[in-house]
Protein backbone atom coordinates (compact mmCIF):
# COMPACT_ATOMS: atom_id res chain seq x y z
CA MET A 1 -17.44 16.37 -6.82
CA LYS A 2 -13.79 17.44 -6.70
CA ALA A 3 -11.32 14.87 -8.00
CA ILE A 4 -7.76 14.56 -9.25
CA VAL A 5 -7.60 13.13 -12.77
CA VAL A 6 -4.90 12.11 -15.20
CA THR A 7 -5.17 12.08 -19.02
CA ASP A 8 -1.59 12.00 -20.29
CA GLN A 9 0.57 9.03 -19.44
CA ALA A 10 3.76 10.67 -20.73
CA ALA A 11 3.28 13.64 -18.34
CA GLY A 12 3.31 11.41 -15.28
CA ARG A 13 2.53 13.10 -11.96
CA ALA A 14 2.98 16.47 -13.62
CA GLY A 15 -0.16 15.78 -15.62
CA MET A 16 -2.38 15.51 -12.58
CA THR A 17 -5.22 18.12 -12.41
CA LEU A 18 -8.00 18.99 -9.99
CA VAL A 19 -11.39 19.01 -11.75
CA GLU A 20 -15.08 18.61 -11.12
CA ARG A 21 -16.37 15.07 -11.90
CA PRO A 22 -19.81 13.44 -11.55
CA GLU A 23 -20.41 11.69 -8.27
CA PRO A 24 -21.05 7.92 -8.30
CA GLN A 25 -24.78 7.42 -8.37
CA GLY A 26 -26.03 5.84 -5.09
CA ALA A 27 -29.55 5.51 -6.41
CA ARG A 28 -28.40 3.20 -9.21
CA LEU A 29 -26.53 1.03 -6.75
CA ALA A 30 -29.68 0.32 -4.88
CA SER A 31 -31.28 -1.44 -7.87
CA LEU A 32 -30.16 -4.07 -10.28
CA SER A 33 -30.13 -1.61 -13.17
CA GLY A 34 -26.61 -0.27 -13.75
CA ALA A 35 -25.25 -1.58 -10.51
CA ASN A 36 -22.09 -3.54 -9.89
CA TYR A 37 -23.05 -6.40 -7.65
CA GLY A 38 -21.54 -5.93 -4.18
CA ASP A 39 -20.39 -2.29 -4.64
CA VAL A 40 -20.65 0.49 -2.08
CA ILE A 41 -20.18 4.22 -2.38
CA VAL A 42 -17.75 5.70 0.08
CA GLN A 43 -17.45 9.37 1.02
CA VAL A 44 -13.67 9.62 1.07
CA HIS A 45 -12.13 11.25 4.14
CA ALA A 46 -8.49 10.35 3.44
CA SER A 47 -6.68 8.92 0.41
CA GLY A 48 -3.31 7.50 -0.49
CA PHE A 49 -1.40 7.35 -3.72
CA THR A 50 1.38 4.96 -4.73
CA TRP A 51 4.33 6.73 -6.23
CA ASP A 52 4.57 4.61 -9.40
CA GLU A 53 0.87 3.89 -10.12
CA LEU A 54 0.82 6.19 -13.19
CA SER A 55 3.14 3.61 -14.81
CA TRP A 56 0.61 0.79 -14.29
CA PRO A 57 -1.39 -0.17 -17.41
CA SER A 58 -4.52 -0.40 -15.21
CA THR A 59 -4.38 3.37 -14.67
CA TRP A 60 -5.04 3.94 -18.33
CA ILE A 61 -7.07 1.00 -19.60
CA ASP A 62 -9.88 -1.10 -18.22
CA ARG A 63 -9.98 -4.92 -17.96
CA LEU A 64 -10.95 -5.18 -21.61
CA GLY A 65 -8.03 -3.05 -22.73
CA ARG A 66 -10.16 0.03 -23.51
CA ASP A 67 -8.94 3.57 -22.76
CA ARG A 68 -10.50 4.82 -19.55
CA THR A 69 -9.07 8.30 -19.29
CA PRO A 70 -9.70 10.69 -17.72
CA SER A 71 -9.06 8.41 -14.76
CA ILE A 72 -8.89 9.16 -11.08
CA PRO A 73 -5.72 7.69 -9.42
CA GLY A 74 -5.24 6.62 -5.86
CA HIS A 75 -6.30 3.24 -4.50
CA GLU A 76 -6.06 3.55 -0.74
CA LEU A 77 -8.81 5.15 1.29
CA ALA A 78 -10.58 5.65 4.55
CA GLY A 79 -14.10 7.07 4.76
CA VAL A 80 -17.77 6.48 5.39
CA VAL A 81 -20.21 4.26 3.44
CA THR A 82 -23.03 6.35 1.92
CA ALA A 83 -24.82 3.77 -0.30
CA LEU A 84 -24.96 -0.01 -0.83
CA SER A 85 -25.62 -1.95 -4.01
CA TYR A 86 -27.69 -5.09 -4.37
CA GLY A 87 -25.87 -8.02 -2.83
CA THR A 88 -23.61 -6.12 -0.49
CA ARG A 89 -22.74 -7.94 2.75
CA GLY A 90 -20.81 -7.10 5.86
CA LEU A 91 -21.07 -3.31 5.67
CA SER A 92 -23.79 -0.74 6.38
CA VAL A 93 -24.62 2.82 5.50
CA GLY A 94 -22.82 5.25 7.84
CA GLN A 95 -20.08 2.82 8.69
CA ARG A 96 -16.41 3.90 8.88
CA VAL A 97 -14.26 1.79 6.50
CA PHE A 98 -10.80 1.60 5.01
CA GLY A 99 -9.12 -0.46 2.31
CA LEU A 100 -8.23 -0.59 -1.38
CA THR A 101 -10.08 -0.02 -4.61
CA ASP A 102 -9.87 -1.99 -7.83
CA TRP A 103 -6.83 -1.13 -9.99
CA THR A 104 -8.86 -0.76 -13.23
CA ARG A 105 -11.54 1.59 -11.85
CA ASP A 106 -11.55 5.19 -10.76
CA GLY A 107 -9.67 5.62 -7.50
CA THR A 108 -9.75 7.53 -4.28
CA LEU A 109 -8.35 10.99 -4.94
CA ALA A 110 -11.89 12.26 -5.06
CA GLU A 111 -14.72 13.14 -2.69
CA TYR A 112 -16.62 9.92 -3.45
CA VAL A 113 -15.67 6.52 -4.85
CA ALA A 114 -17.53 3.33 -5.85
CA VAL A 115 -15.68 0.25 -4.60
CA GLU A 116 -16.31 -3.46 -4.03
CA ALA A 117 -17.43 -3.95 -0.44
CA ARG A 118 -15.22 -7.05 -0.06
CA ASN A 119 -12.13 -4.76 -0.57
CA LEU A 120 -13.06 -2.82 2.61
CA ALA A 121 -12.86 -3.45 6.35
CA PRO A 122 -14.44 -1.60 9.26
CA LEU A 123 -12.36 1.24 10.59
CA PRO A 124 -12.70 1.51 14.42
CA GLY A 125 -13.80 4.91 15.69
CA ASP A 126 -10.55 5.44 17.60
CA VAL A 127 -8.39 5.19 14.43
CA ASP A 128 -8.12 8.43 12.49
CA PHE A 129 -9.12 8.35 8.81
CA THR A 130 -5.61 9.59 7.92
CA VAL A 131 -4.00 6.65 9.65
CA GLY A 132 -6.50 4.20 8.13
CA ALA A 133 -5.67 5.36 4.64
CA SER A 134 -1.95 5.23 5.30
CA VAL A 135 -1.84 1.63 6.54
CA ALA A 136 -4.14 -0.03 3.98
CA MET A 137 -1.70 -0.66 1.14
CA PRO A 138 1.59 -0.91 3.09
CA GLY A 139 -0.01 -2.98 5.81
CA LEU A 140 -1.48 -5.54 3.39
CA THR A 141 1.73 -5.67 1.33
CA ALA A 142 3.80 -6.34 4.44
CA TRP A 143 1.34 -8.92 5.81
CA GLN A 144 1.04 -10.88 2.59
CA GLY A 145 4.83 -10.81 1.85
CA LEU A 146 5.73 -11.96 5.33
CA PHE A 147 3.00 -14.44 6.28
CA VAL A 148 1.30 -15.61 3.03
CA HIS A 149 4.26 -15.75 0.64
CA GLY A 150 7.28 -15.71 3.06
CA ARG A 151 5.71 -17.94 5.74
CA LEU A 152 7.72 -16.21 8.37
CA ARG A 153 7.95 -18.01 11.68
CA VAL A 154 9.14 -17.06 15.19
CA GLY A 155 12.91 -17.23 15.59
CA GLN A 156 13.71 -16.72 11.92
CA SER A 157 15.90 -13.94 10.55
CA ILE A 158 14.77 -11.46 7.87
CA LEU A 159 16.60 -8.85 5.78
CA VAL A 160 14.28 -5.95 4.98
CA HIS A 161 15.34 -3.61 2.16
CA GLY A 162 14.20 0.00 2.37
CA ALA A 163 13.29 -0.51 6.00
CA ALA A 164 12.86 3.20 6.69
CA GLY A 165 10.34 3.53 3.83
CA VAL A 166 6.58 3.18 3.83
CA VAL A 167 6.35 -0.54 3.11
CA GLY A 168 9.70 -1.44 4.70
CA SER A 169 8.70 0.10 8.05
CA MET A 170 5.53 -1.99 8.12
CA VAL A 171 7.52 -5.14 7.25
CA THR A 172 9.98 -4.37 10.03
CA GLN A 173 7.27 -3.86 12.68
CA LEU A 174 5.22 -6.94 11.78
CA ALA A 175 8.31 -9.17 11.50
CA ARG A 176 9.58 -7.97 14.88
CA GLU A 177 6.20 -8.58 16.46
CA ALA A 178 6.12 -12.10 14.95
CA GLY A 179 9.37 -12.92 16.76
CA ALA A 180 11.85 -12.56 13.91
CA TYR A 181 15.33 -11.02 14.01
CA VAL A 182 15.19 -8.01 11.68
CA ILE A 183 18.16 -6.69 9.72
CA ALA A 184 17.37 -3.46 7.94
CA THR A 185 18.96 -1.94 4.84
CA GLY A 186 18.84 1.54 3.24
CA ARG A 187 20.80 4.71 2.95
CA ALA A 188 22.67 6.09 5.96
CA ALA A 189 19.99 8.77 6.56
CA GLY A 190 17.43 6.07 7.25
CA ARG A 191 19.42 4.23 9.88
CA GLN A 192 17.77 5.66 12.99
CA THR A 193 14.28 5.48 11.51
CA ALA A 194 14.75 1.80 10.71
CA LEU A 195 16.08 1.10 14.22
CA ASP A 196 13.17 3.07 15.74
CA PHE A 197 10.73 0.88 13.90
CA GLY A 198 12.28 -2.26 15.42
CA ALA A 199 15.26 -3.39 13.37
CA LYS A 200 18.15 -4.92 15.33
CA GLU A 201 20.86 -4.12 12.76
CA PHE A 202 21.22 -1.68 9.82
CA ILE A 203 23.17 -2.19 6.60
CA ASP A 204 24.14 1.03 4.77
CA LEU A 205 23.88 -0.04 1.12
CA ASP A 206 26.19 2.71 -0.01
CA ASN A 207 29.05 1.89 2.35
CA ASP A 208 28.55 -1.59 3.88
CA ALA A 209 28.98 -4.92 2.16
CA LEU A 210 25.57 -6.66 1.75
CA GLU A 211 27.33 -10.00 1.35
CA ASP A 212 28.64 -9.74 4.94
CA VAL A 213 25.10 -10.22 6.35
CA GLY A 214 25.41 -13.99 6.40
CA GLY A 215 22.58 -16.50 5.99
CA VAL A 216 19.08 -15.20 6.65
CA ASP A 217 15.83 -17.10 6.31
CA LEU A 218 13.92 -14.45 4.36
CA VAL A 219 14.58 -11.32 2.34
CA PHE A 220 11.83 -8.78 1.67
CA ASP A 221 12.88 -6.79 -1.35
CA VAL A 222 11.30 -3.47 -2.43
CA LEU A 223 14.24 -2.33 -4.50
CA GLY A 224 14.89 -4.86 -7.24
CA GLY A 225 17.75 -4.45 -9.68
CA ASP A 226 21.25 -5.35 -8.64
CA ILE A 227 20.32 -5.29 -4.88
CA GLY A 228 17.61 -7.82 -5.47
CA LYS A 229 19.94 -10.13 -7.39
CA ARG A 230 22.66 -9.94 -4.74
CA SER A 231 20.10 -10.62 -2.04
CA ALA A 232 19.67 -14.20 -3.15
CA GLY A 233 23.17 -14.84 -2.09
CA VAL A 234 22.65 -13.95 1.59
CA ILE A 235 19.73 -16.36 2.03
CA ARG A 236 20.38 -19.70 3.67
CA ALA A 237 19.70 -22.84 1.69
CA GLY A 238 15.95 -23.41 1.45
CA GLY A 239 15.12 -19.80 2.36
CA THR A 240 12.88 -17.35 0.54
CA LEU A 241 13.25 -14.15 -1.44
CA VAL A 242 10.00 -12.13 -1.52
CA THR A 243 9.86 -9.11 -3.82
CA ILE A 244 7.38 -6.47 -4.89
CA ALA A 245 9.93 -4.95 -7.36
CA GLY A 246 8.87 -7.13 -10.30
CA PRO A 247 9.99 -10.44 -11.76
CA THR A 248 13.56 -11.49 -11.11
CA GLU A 249 15.81 -14.41 -12.00
CA ALA A 250 17.50 -14.32 -8.61
CA ARG A 251 16.95 -17.50 -6.61
CA PRO A 252 18.29 -18.61 -3.24
CA ALA A 253 20.01 -21.99 -3.19
CA ASP A 254 17.35 -24.73 -2.85
CA GLY A 255 14.79 -22.03 -1.99
CA LEU A 256 11.98 -19.92 -3.45
CA THR A 257 11.60 -16.50 -5.03
CA VAL A 258 8.09 -15.00 -4.89
CA ASP A 259 7.15 -11.90 -6.86
CA PHE A 260 3.71 -10.74 -5.86
CA VAL A 261 1.18 -7.94 -6.20
CA VAL A 262 -0.87 -7.05 -3.12
CA VAL A 263 -4.54 -7.96 -3.12
CA PRO A 264 -7.37 -6.63 -0.94
CA ASP A 265 -8.31 -8.83 2.02
CA ARG A 266 -10.82 -7.79 4.69
CA ALA A 267 -9.53 -10.19 7.36
CA GLN A 268 -5.89 -9.03 6.89
CA LEU A 269 -6.99 -5.41 7.03
CA SER A 270 -8.68 -6.13 10.28
CA GLU A 271 -5.47 -7.74 11.66
CA VAL A 272 -3.47 -4.66 10.65
CA VAL A 273 -5.86 -2.13 12.18
CA GLN A 274 -6.12 -4.05 15.40
CA ARG A 275 -2.35 -3.76 15.79
CA VAL A 276 -2.62 0.01 15.13
CA ARG A 277 -5.20 0.25 17.90
CA ASP A 278 -2.98 -1.77 20.30
CA GLY A 279 0.01 0.41 19.60
CA ARG A 280 1.89 -2.53 18.08
CA LEU A 281 1.97 -0.90 14.63
CA ARG A 282 2.77 2.77 13.75
CA ALA A 283 1.86 4.52 10.48
CA ASN A 284 4.74 6.08 8.57
CA ILE A 285 3.16 9.35 7.40
CA GLY A 286 5.41 12.06 6.01
CA ASN A 287 2.94 14.63 4.76
CA VAL A 288 -0.80 15.31 4.91
CA ALA A 289 -2.28 17.60 2.23
CA ALA A 290 -5.75 18.83 1.38
CA LEU A 291 -7.37 17.72 -1.90
CA ASP A 292 -7.00 21.22 -3.29
CA ASP A 293 -3.21 20.90 -2.72
CA ALA A 294 -2.84 17.28 -3.81
CA VAL A 295 -1.23 18.01 -7.21
CA ALA A 296 1.57 19.94 -5.50
CA ALA A 297 1.89 17.27 -2.79
CA PHE A 298 2.49 14.58 -5.32
CA ASN A 299 5.06 16.76 -7.16
CA PRO A 300 7.21 17.85 -4.19
CA THR A 301 10.27 20.04 -4.58
CA GLU A 302 12.14 17.94 -2.05
CA ARG A 303 11.99 14.36 -0.92
CA VAL A 304 9.27 13.52 1.67
CA LYS A 305 10.12 10.79 4.20
CA GLY A 306 7.08 8.63 4.81
CA LYS A 307 3.72 8.41 3.02
CA THR A 308 1.84 11.34 1.63
CA ILE A 309 -1.86 11.23 2.52
CA VAL A 310 -4.59 13.52 1.08
CA ARG A 311 -7.14 14.55 3.67
CA VAL A 312 -10.16 14.88 1.36
CA ARG A 313 -12.57 16.06 4.13
CA PRO A 314 -11.28 18.37 6.88
């Protein structure tokens, strides 16, 4: 099968190459010998790639700390189940699915991938594979940050950093639907995009004073650094700072800071895709490339607004 692989951590995305790799063996999945309990094989139709995943240790080593290169990156997918392992529940051969793969195993920038069935959810026939792959990671990240860790409630106010971006646009839409008042931040060029996704106000981080926002109930931070630290000061007493930008010492007064990493969840994926079907949630796709062009797509000569998706099968 065709797949994108990486072998040189120092090279970053420039070290991605398109090669031929062995397909996952469906026959072995069907027996106890050599199978991972609960795995399925998926024929990948569309795949996503997170911009910084080549800096993750899990891209280069397995759970026991052993080198696993050449490794296949990409952990977001939509496709069709082609084989089931012993113990698989909830999915069937021929079913359309979408979701995430394990961080320490070969990923989805390939024609086939082996993945734990529990990491996948059914993809309805009226949702395109490209859309399914594009909402898996951002949708779960937004859902977990808002409702699991942030415990957002109707009537609350939320400050969303990077609201025109891939994750921020999902956060904005889900928060708005939940009845929150959304204040977006970003660079001036992202103002209209953030407002179009449902923000009520926009703060230009280059020209406006973040501290003028006032007291909000929740901050969803995707930026970290100085912006993340300053964000704690605009949260009302007892509020929450949720971040995916890594550990931080910033704390709101009498409140909580939660740094989290997204985890697969079938029920939450189903909630996300139902909103896509209903028109309550829009994907933020900036570019769609074929697998043969994926290396160039992930090394663009100019900035792409929105998520890049690889359409593995035409």
